[in-house]
């Protein structure tokens, strides 16, 4: 009996949101998961296999274009790459500014470029950004650079380096850049019959964030939760549901867009000083 070809789901980042998205979108697909941590890959793969899914794992450093290309090529060799979810990233408390720029900013550009070569008609890519993007206000010139500069020149910009004196600002600028990069890519992806979008979560209660609630950042996180109209933290499953919508046929007319999923925090914070958000030093390290 001939084997029926299956579509491929590629997920970069196997932490809370990445794993929840993989589980939400897995049905009938072969799953490829990439992450910089073998421990996280092993956990995610076993969890999905226990549910009966076919999973292949790869070590991927999104800051290295060739690493992402290798992952994308492995995925397309297995079948048609139908859905890509990019959920890997570093939070401000995890790394120095230059590393956050390399992973969160350049890493997203690397994923967009690497998977552009392997997606086809009907495919989609959803990148996980953050409401921290509201804490960054790049100038028109810097915005243009972040949106359109060639990948190898993306971090070579004096204004960018001046705008990120610390890890918190590097994170906020990186997430703003994710939105700009996706918007810029929407037309070229549409020419292939593919779509590309972002999701900007607010406070999502991943395992790592729960640990941080008990630390020095706890009061800040709790204040953000209490200040939202829906006064609770979100779950990875709730973010994954939005990712699944954007990846599915009901979102066939949506591309180059960002969906904010934050319990109404931004909408309810018109008097909020966005610099405080840019200074928020907690979050999911591998979303």
Protein backbone atom coordinates (compact mmCIF):
# COMPACT_ATOMS: atom_id res chain seq x y z
CA UNK A 1 0.00 0.00 0.00
CA UNK A 2 1.36 3.40 -0.99
CA UNK A 3 2.16 5.81 1.79
CA UNK A 4 -0.11 8.83 1.82
CA UNK A 5 2.06 11.97 1.89
CA UNK A 6 1.59 14.15 4.93
CA UNK A 7 2.06 17.85 5.40
CA UNK A 8 4.88 19.12 7.56
CA UNK A 9 4.61 21.38 10.60
CA UNK A 10 7.87 23.14 11.47
CA UNK A 11 8.19 24.76 14.91
CA UNK A 12 11.24 26.69 16.05
CA UNK A 13 11.34 27.00 19.82
CA UNK A 14 10.08 24.12 21.95
CA UNK A 15 9.20 26.04 25.11
CA UNK A 16 5.70 26.86 26.33
CA UNK A 17 4.18 28.58 23.29
CA UNK A 18 6.16 26.54 20.78
CA UNK A 19 5.12 23.21 22.31
CA UNK A 20 1.50 24.32 22.72
CA UNK A 21 1.42 25.42 19.08
CA UNK A 22 2.92 22.13 17.94
CA UNK A 23 0.29 20.20 19.86
CA UNK A 24 -2.52 22.43 18.55
CA UNK A 25 -1.44 22.11 14.90
CA UNK A 26 -0.07 18.59 14.90
CA UNK A 27 -3.03 16.54 13.70
CA UNK A 28 -2.10 14.34 10.73
CA UNK A 29 1.22 16.10 10.16
CA UNK A 30 4.84 15.20 10.58
CA UNK A 31 6.29 17.57 13.15
CA UNK A 32 9.77 19.07 12.94
CA UNK A 33 10.89 20.91 16.08
CA UNK A 34 14.04 22.99 16.32
CA UNK A 35 15.58 24.45 19.45
CA UNK A 36 18.99 25.42 20.82
CA UNK A 37 18.42 23.20 23.87
CA UNK A 38 18.59 19.42 23.53
CA UNK A 39 16.91 19.06 26.91
CA UNK A 40 13.89 21.08 25.80
CA UNK A 41 13.76 19.23 22.49
CA UNK A 42 13.73 15.88 24.25
CA UNK A 43 10.94 16.92 26.57
CA UNK A 44 8.79 18.36 23.78
CA UNK A 45 9.34 15.38 21.50
CA UNK A 46 8.48 12.85 24.18
CA UNK A 47 5.37 14.79 25.14
CA UNK A 48 4.16 14.83 21.53
CA UNK A 49 5.10 11.22 20.87
CA UNK A 50 3.17 10.16 23.94
CA UNK A 51 0.14 11.68 22.21
CA UNK A 52 0.83 9.60 19.10
CA UNK A 53 2.53 12.22 16.91
CA UNK A 54 5.47 11.71 14.57
CA UNK A 55 8.25 14.05 15.66
CA UNK A 56 11.75 14.82 14.41
CA UNK A 57 14.01 17.14 16.39
CA UNK A 58 16.93 19.33 15.33
CA UNK A 59 19.34 21.56 17.20
CA UNK A 60 18.86 25.03 15.71
CA UNK A 61 20.60 28.30 16.54
CA UNK A 62 18.36 30.92 14.95
CA UNK A 63 21.16 33.47 15.12
CA UNK A 64 23.04 31.38 12.52
CA UNK A 65 21.40 31.46 9.08
CA UNK A 66 22.98 28.19 7.95
CA UNK A 67 21.54 26.44 11.00
CA UNK A 68 18.03 27.60 10.13
CA UNK A 69 18.52 26.69 6.46
CA UNK A 70 19.54 23.16 7.41
CA UNK A 71 16.38 22.83 9.51
CA UNK A 72 14.17 24.19 6.73
CA UNK A 73 15.74 21.87 4.16
CA UNK A 74 15.26 18.84 6.41
CA UNK A 75 11.59 19.76 6.84
CA UNK A 76 10.88 20.16 3.12
CA UNK A 77 12.57 16.85 2.30
CA UNK A 78 9.91 15.17 4.44
CA UNK A 79 6.98 16.73 2.59
CA UNK A 80 5.12 19.94 1.89
CA UNK A 81 5.86 22.54 4.59
CA UNK A 82 2.34 23.71 5.37
CA UNK A 83 2.84 25.62 8.59
CA UNK A 84 5.82 27.25 10.27
CA UNK A 85 5.75 28.67 13.80
CA UNK A 86 8.72 30.69 15.02
CA UNK A 87 8.58 30.88 18.82
CA UNK A 88 12.25 30.92 19.84
CA UNK A 89 13.71 33.86 21.68
CA UNK A 90 15.52 35.24 24.71
CA UNK A 91 13.94 37.44 27.36
CA UNK A 92 15.77 40.53 28.69
CA UNK A 93 16.92 38.81 31.86
CA UNK A 94 18.63 36.00 29.98
CA UNK A 95 21.35 37.64 27.91
CA UNK A 96 23.34 40.74 27.02
CA UNK A 97 21.94 43.18 24.43
CA UNK A 98 24.07 41.88 21.56
CA UNK A 99 22.92 38.32 22.07
CA UNK A 100 19.28 39.36 22.30
CA UNK A 101 19.65 41.26 19.02
CA UNK A 102 21.26 38.21 17.43
CA UNK A 103 18.56 35.78 18.55
CA UNK A 104 15.37 37.86 18.73
CA UNK A 105 15.99 40.31 15.86
CA UNK A 106 18.38 38.66 13.39
CA UNK A 107 16.98 35.23 14.28
CA UNK A 108 13.53 36.18 13.03
CA UNK A 109 14.96 37.56 9.78
CA UNK A 110 16.88 34.29 9.36
CA UNK A 111 13.71 32.24 9.81
CA UNK A 112 11.76 34.38 7.33
CA UNK A 113 14.49 34.09 4.69
CA UNK A 114 15.25 30.41 5.20
CA UNK A 115 11.65 29.26 5.05
CA UNK A 116 10.74 31.53 2.15
CA UNK A 117 12.72 29.16 -0.04
CA UNK A 118 10.75 26.07 1.01
CA UNK A 119 7.14 27.21 1.46
CA UNK A 120 4.56 27.05 -1.29
CA UNK A 121 0.98 27.97 -2.04
CA UNK A 122 -1.19 27.76 1.06
CA UNK A 123 1.71 27.78 3.53
CA UNK A 124 1.98 30.16 6.46
CA UNK A 125 4.57 31.43 8.91
CA UNK A 126 3.61 32.90 12.28
CA UNK A 127 6.30 34.63 14.36
CA UNK A 128 5.86 35.23 18.08
CA UNK A 129 6.61 38.87 18.93
CA UNK A 130 5.61 40.61 22.20
CA UNK A 131 3.72 43.60 23.53
CA UNK A 132 7.17 44.81 24.60
CA UNK A 133 7.33 46.18 21.06
CA UNK A 134 5.16 49.08 22.29
CA UNK A 135 8.12 50.15 24.40
CA UNK A 136 10.25 50.82 21.32
CA UNK A 137 9.92 53.88 19.06
CA UNK A 138 12.48 53.50 16.26
CA UNK A 139 12.88 56.48 13.96
CA UNK A 140 11.57 56.25 10.38
CA UNK A 141 15.12 55.67 9.18
CA UNK A 142 15.78 52.88 11.67
CA UNK A 143 12.36 51.38 11.01
CA UNK A 144 13.14 51.24 7.29
CA UNK A 145 16.47 49.58 8.03
CA UNK A 146 14.91 46.99 10.34
CA UNK A 147 12.23 46.21 7.77
CA UNK A 148 14.29 45.97 4.62
CA UNK A 149 18.05 45.75 5.24
CA UNK A 150 19.74 42.65 3.84
CA UNK A 151 20.04 40.00 6.48
CA UNK A 152 23.84 40.21 6.72
CA UNK A 153 23.65 43.98 7.31
CA UNK A 154 20.75 44.00 9.73
CA UNK A 155 22.75 44.44 12.94
CA UNK A 156 25.30 46.79 11.35
CA UNK A 157 23.58 50.06 12.08
CA UNK A 158 24.86 52.79 14.39
CA UNK A 159 21.38 54.06 15.28
CA UNK A 160 20.31 50.54 16.24
CA UNK A 161 23.29 50.07 18.54
CA UNK A 162 22.65 53.44 20.21
CA UNK A 163 19.00 52.50 20.75
CA UNK A 164 19.80 49.39 22.79
CA UNK A 165 21.93 50.37 25.80
CA UNK A 166 20.58 47.46 27.83
CA UNK A 167 18.91 44.09 27.40
CA UNK A 168 15.40 45.41 28.01
CA UNK A 169 15.63 47.96 25.21
CA UNK A 170 17.26 45.37 22.92
CA UNK A 171 14.29 43.08 23.53
CA UNK A 172 11.73 45.82 22.84
CA UNK A 173 13.47 46.96 19.66
CA UNK A 174 13.86 43.36 18.49
CA UNK A 175 10.15 42.69 18.88
CA UNK A 176 9.28 45.92 17.07
CA UNK A 177 11.65 44.82 14.31
CA UNK A 178 9.87 41.46 14.07
CA UNK A 179 6.63 43.25 13.20
CA UNK A 180 8.35 45.48 10.63
CA UNK A 181 10.17 42.56 9.04
CA UNK A 182 7.00 40.51 8.70
CA UNK A 183 5.09 43.45 7.23
CA UNK A 184 7.85 43.99 4.69
CA UNK A 185 7.87 40.30 3.73
CA UNK A 186 4.11 40.04 3.23
CA UNK A 187 4.18 40.98 -0.46
CA UNK A 188 6.94 38.56 -1.47
CA UNK A 189 5.32 35.74 0.50
CA UNK A 190 1.96 36.49 -1.11
CA UNK A 191 3.60 36.16 -4.54
CA UNK A 192 4.25 32.52 -3.62
CA UNK A 193 0.70 32.07 -2.34
CA UNK A 194 1.92 32.05 1.27
CA UNK A 195 1.07 34.19 4.29
CA UNK A 196 3.16 35.61 7.13
CA UNK A 197 1.97 37.17 10.40
CA UNK A 198 2.96 37.87 13.99
CA UNK A 199 1.35 37.37 17.38
CA UNK A 200 2.24 39.70 20.27
CA UNK A 201 1.50 38.03 23.61
CA UNK A 202 1.28 39.83 26.92
CA UNK A 203 2.00 38.05 30.20
CA UNK A 204 1.87 34.32 29.48
CA UNK A 205 2.26 32.00 32.44
CA UNK A 206 4.89 29.64 31.15
CA UNK A 207 6.94 27.55 33.56
CA UNK A 208 9.81 30.03 33.49
CA UNK A 209 7.56 33.02 34.15
CA UNK A 210 6.00 31.25 37.13
CA UNK A 211 9.48 30.93 38.59
CA UNK A 212 10.12 34.62 38.00
CA UNK A 213 6.90 35.49 39.80
CA UNK A 214 8.67 34.31 42.94
CA UNK A 215 11.74 36.46 42.25
CA UNK A 216 12.61 40.15 42.20
CA UNK A 217 10.52 40.77 39.08
CA UNK A 218 7.44 39.32 40.73
CA UNK A 219 5.84 42.65 41.75
CA UNK A 220 6.26 44.09 38.24
CA UNK A 221 4.71 41.02 36.63
CA UNK A 222 1.84 40.96 39.10
CA UNK A 223 1.24 44.67 38.52
CA UNK A 224 0.97 44.07 34.78
CA UNK A 225 -1.44 41.21 35.34
CA UNK A 226 -3.60 43.18 37.78
CA UNK A 227 -3.57 46.22 35.48
CA UNK A 228 -5.10 44.39 32.53
CA UNK A 229 -8.89 44.38 31.94
CA UNK A 230 -8.73 40.59 32.05
CA UNK A 231 -6.78 40.51 35.29
CA UNK A 232 -4.94 37.24 34.90
CA UNK A 233 -2.02 35.85 33.00
CA UNK A 234 -2.56 34.08 29.72
CA UNK A 235 -1.69 30.50 28.92
CA UNK A 236 0.45 29.04 26.17
CA UNK A 237 -2.63 27.20 24.93
CA UNK A 238 -4.49 30.49 24.45
CA UNK A 239 -1.63 31.88 22.36
CA UNK A 240 -1.47 28.64 20.38
CA UNK A 241 -5.16 28.99 19.53
CA UNK A 242 -4.46 32.34 17.89
CA UNK A 243 -1.47 30.87 16.06
CA UNK A 244 -3.70 28.05 14.82
CA UNK A 245 -6.27 30.57 13.57
CA UNK A 246 -3.64 32.51 11.64
CA UNK A 247 -2.29 29.28 10.16
CA UNK A 248 -5.71 28.02 9.11
CA UNK A 249 -8.15 28.64 6.26
CA UNK A 250 -10.29 31.06 8.28
CA UNK A 251 -7.35 33.51 8.14
CA UNK A 252 -6.83 33.20 4.38
CA UNK A 253 -7.18 36.99 3.91
CA UNK A 254 -4.78 37.90 6.73
CA UNK A 255 -1.11 38.54 6.05
CA UNK A 256 1.45 41.09 7.23
CA UNK A 257 -0.63 41.56 10.39
CA UNK A 258 0.02 41.43 14.12
CA UNK A 259 -2.48 40.09 16.64
CA UNK A 260 -2.10 41.39 20.20
CA UNK A 261 -3.12 38.78 22.80
CA UNK A 262 -2.62 40.42 26.17
CA UNK A 263 -5.86 40.34 28.15
CA UNK A 264 -6.48 43.95 27.09
CA UNK A 265 -3.34 45.24 28.82
CA UNK A 266 -2.30 47.68 26.07
CA UNK A 267 -5.87 48.76 25.35
CA UNK A 268 -6.46 49.43 29.04
CA UNK A 269 -3.16 51.22 29.59
CA UNK A 270 -3.48 54.55 27.81
CA UNK A 271 -1.77 56.25 30.73
CA UNK A 272 0.86 53.54 30.96
CA UNK A 273 4.43 54.68 30.44
CA UNK A 274 5.70 52.41 27.72
CA UNK A 275 9.25 52.91 28.94
CA UNK A 276 8.22 50.83 31.93
CA UNK A 277 7.21 48.03 29.59
CA UNK A 278 10.53 48.27 27.78
CA UNK A 279 12.19 47.89 31.17
CA UNK A 280 10.28 44.75 32.02
CA UNK A 281 12.97 42.13 32.55
CA UNK A 282 10.94 38.94 32.72
CA UNK A 283 9.30 36.71 30.18
CA UNK A 284 9.45 33.33 28.55
CA UNK A 285 13.03 32.55 27.40
CA UNK A 286 11.83 30.11 24.78
CA UNK A 287 8.34 31.15 23.93
